[in-house]
Every structure is written in C-alpha cells, then in structure tokens.
Protein backbone atom coordinates (compact mmCIF):
# COMPACT_ATOMS: atom_id res chain seq x y z
CA MET A 1 33.39 -69.57 -8.67
CA ASP A 2 30.10 -71.03 -9.81
CA ASN A 3 29.53 -70.92 -13.58
CA PHE A 4 26.63 -69.08 -15.22
CA TYR A 5 24.86 -69.99 -18.45
CA LYS A 6 22.41 -68.27 -20.41
CA LEU A 7 20.25 -70.72 -22.53
CA PRO A 8 16.98 -70.66 -24.18
CA LEU A 9 13.93 -72.43 -22.63
CA VAL A 10 10.70 -73.39 -23.86
CA LEU A 11 7.95 -73.67 -21.21
CA ALA A 12 5.19 -75.97 -22.08
CA PRO A 13 1.92 -75.58 -19.98
CA GLN A 14 0.84 -78.62 -18.94
CA PRO A 15 -3.17 -79.48 -18.54
CA GLU A 16 -2.76 -80.56 -14.85
CA GLY A 17 -0.72 -77.34 -14.14
CA GLY A 18 2.82 -76.54 -14.28
CA TRP A 19 5.36 -76.92 -17.05
CA THR A 20 7.55 -79.06 -19.09
CA ILE A 21 10.75 -77.30 -19.69
CA THR A 22 13.01 -78.09 -22.52
CA CYS A 23 15.94 -76.37 -24.16
CA PRO A 24 16.13 -76.33 -28.06
CA VAL A 25 20.19 -76.03 -28.16
CA LEU A 26 20.64 -78.82 -25.43
CA PRO A 27 17.74 -81.60 -26.33
CA GLU A 28 19.05 -83.60 -23.32
CA LEU A 29 17.57 -81.08 -20.84
CA ILE A 30 14.08 -82.01 -19.93
CA THR A 31 12.40 -81.06 -16.46
CA GLU A 32 9.03 -79.96 -15.12
CA ALA A 33 8.09 -77.31 -12.63
CA ASP A 34 4.51 -76.89 -10.70
CA THR A 35 5.34 -73.17 -9.60
CA TRP A 36 7.45 -70.40 -10.95
CA ASP A 37 9.90 -70.73 -7.52
CA GLU A 38 10.81 -74.46 -9.05
CA ILE A 39 11.80 -73.50 -12.47
CA GLU A 40 15.00 -72.22 -11.59
CA PRO A 41 16.45 -74.85 -9.30
CA ASN A 42 14.84 -77.59 -11.51
CA VAL A 43 16.38 -76.28 -14.60
CA SER A 44 19.74 -75.90 -12.70
CA ASP A 45 19.51 -79.44 -11.55
CA ALA A 46 18.87 -80.81 -15.29
CA LEU A 47 21.38 -78.66 -16.63
CA GLN A 48 24.17 -80.10 -13.97
CA ALA A 49 22.91 -83.55 -14.78
CA VAL A 50 23.61 -83.11 -18.55
CA VAL A 51 26.96 -81.31 -18.09
CA GLU A 52 27.91 -84.61 -15.71
CA ILE A 53 26.57 -86.69 -18.83
CA TYR A 54 28.72 -84.67 -21.40
CA GLU A 55 31.75 -84.81 -19.21
CA HIS A 56 31.29 -88.60 -18.54
CA LEU A 57 31.33 -89.01 -22.32
CA GLU A 58 34.15 -87.04 -22.95
CA LYS A 59 31.98 -85.04 -25.16
CA PRO A 60 32.24 -80.97 -25.43
CA LEU A 61 29.26 -78.78 -24.47
CA PRO A 62 27.65 -77.04 -27.51
CA SER A 63 29.36 -73.79 -28.08
CA VAL A 64 26.28 -71.60 -27.04
CA LEU A 65 26.64 -73.11 -23.43
CA ASN A 66 30.08 -70.97 -22.70
CA PRO A 67 29.93 -69.83 -19.21
CA ILE A 68 29.13 -66.39 -18.46
CA ASN A 69 31.62 -64.28 -16.39
CA GLY A 70 29.12 -63.46 -13.38
CA MET A 71 31.47 -60.71 -12.37
CA ALA A 72 31.03 -58.69 -15.95
CA PRO A 73 27.95 -57.20 -17.13
CA PHE A 74 25.65 -59.22 -19.29
CA LEU A 75 22.26 -59.48 -20.98
CA ALA A 76 19.58 -61.83 -19.45
CA ASP A 77 16.07 -62.25 -20.43
CA THR A 78 13.82 -63.36 -17.65
CA ILE A 79 10.24 -63.93 -16.90
CA ILE A 80 8.71 -61.48 -13.96
CA HIS A 81 5.44 -62.86 -12.65
CA LEU A 82 2.81 -59.99 -11.68
CA GLU A 83 -0.43 -61.01 -9.84
CA ALA A 84 -3.32 -59.94 -11.67
CA ALA A 85 -5.07 -56.43 -10.51
C-alpha cells in the first residue's frame, strides 16, 4: 500500500509565474511548479527524493512525517482553484 503524508507547504509565487515550494518541517524539500496541476506530482517527487536521502543516511524522518493510514478518515487541508467569474 502507498504511504500518504500530511505536511505543510509554502508556495512562494515567482515573478515569471509559478511557485517555489518548500516545507517548513522538512527543509530539504524544495521544488517548483508552473501550474496548479504540477504541484502534487512535483512535491511527491521531491518528498520521495528526501525520503531516499534519509534512508541512505540511515536517518529517521522527522516525527511529524508519520505515514497516514489512507484507509481511515483523516483531516486534509487543501487548495481548490476556482476560475474568476
């Protein structure tokens, strides 16, 4: 079963468009996205890379990154984009 993680993200808008995305509890996680649709897969790729680095260094992940049981209810903050009327 895949692991799901809940983590805070900071989306910093870039002058040329898109965002630089960081995680205050996991400073190694840094990525970019040009569109809303790119945010989740880019963050997922960056998180996977960080997890692999931690495993290679035999370092435990921060305790705030415990996997979420995707088969049980959990609270998830999210961003929903609505087109301007």
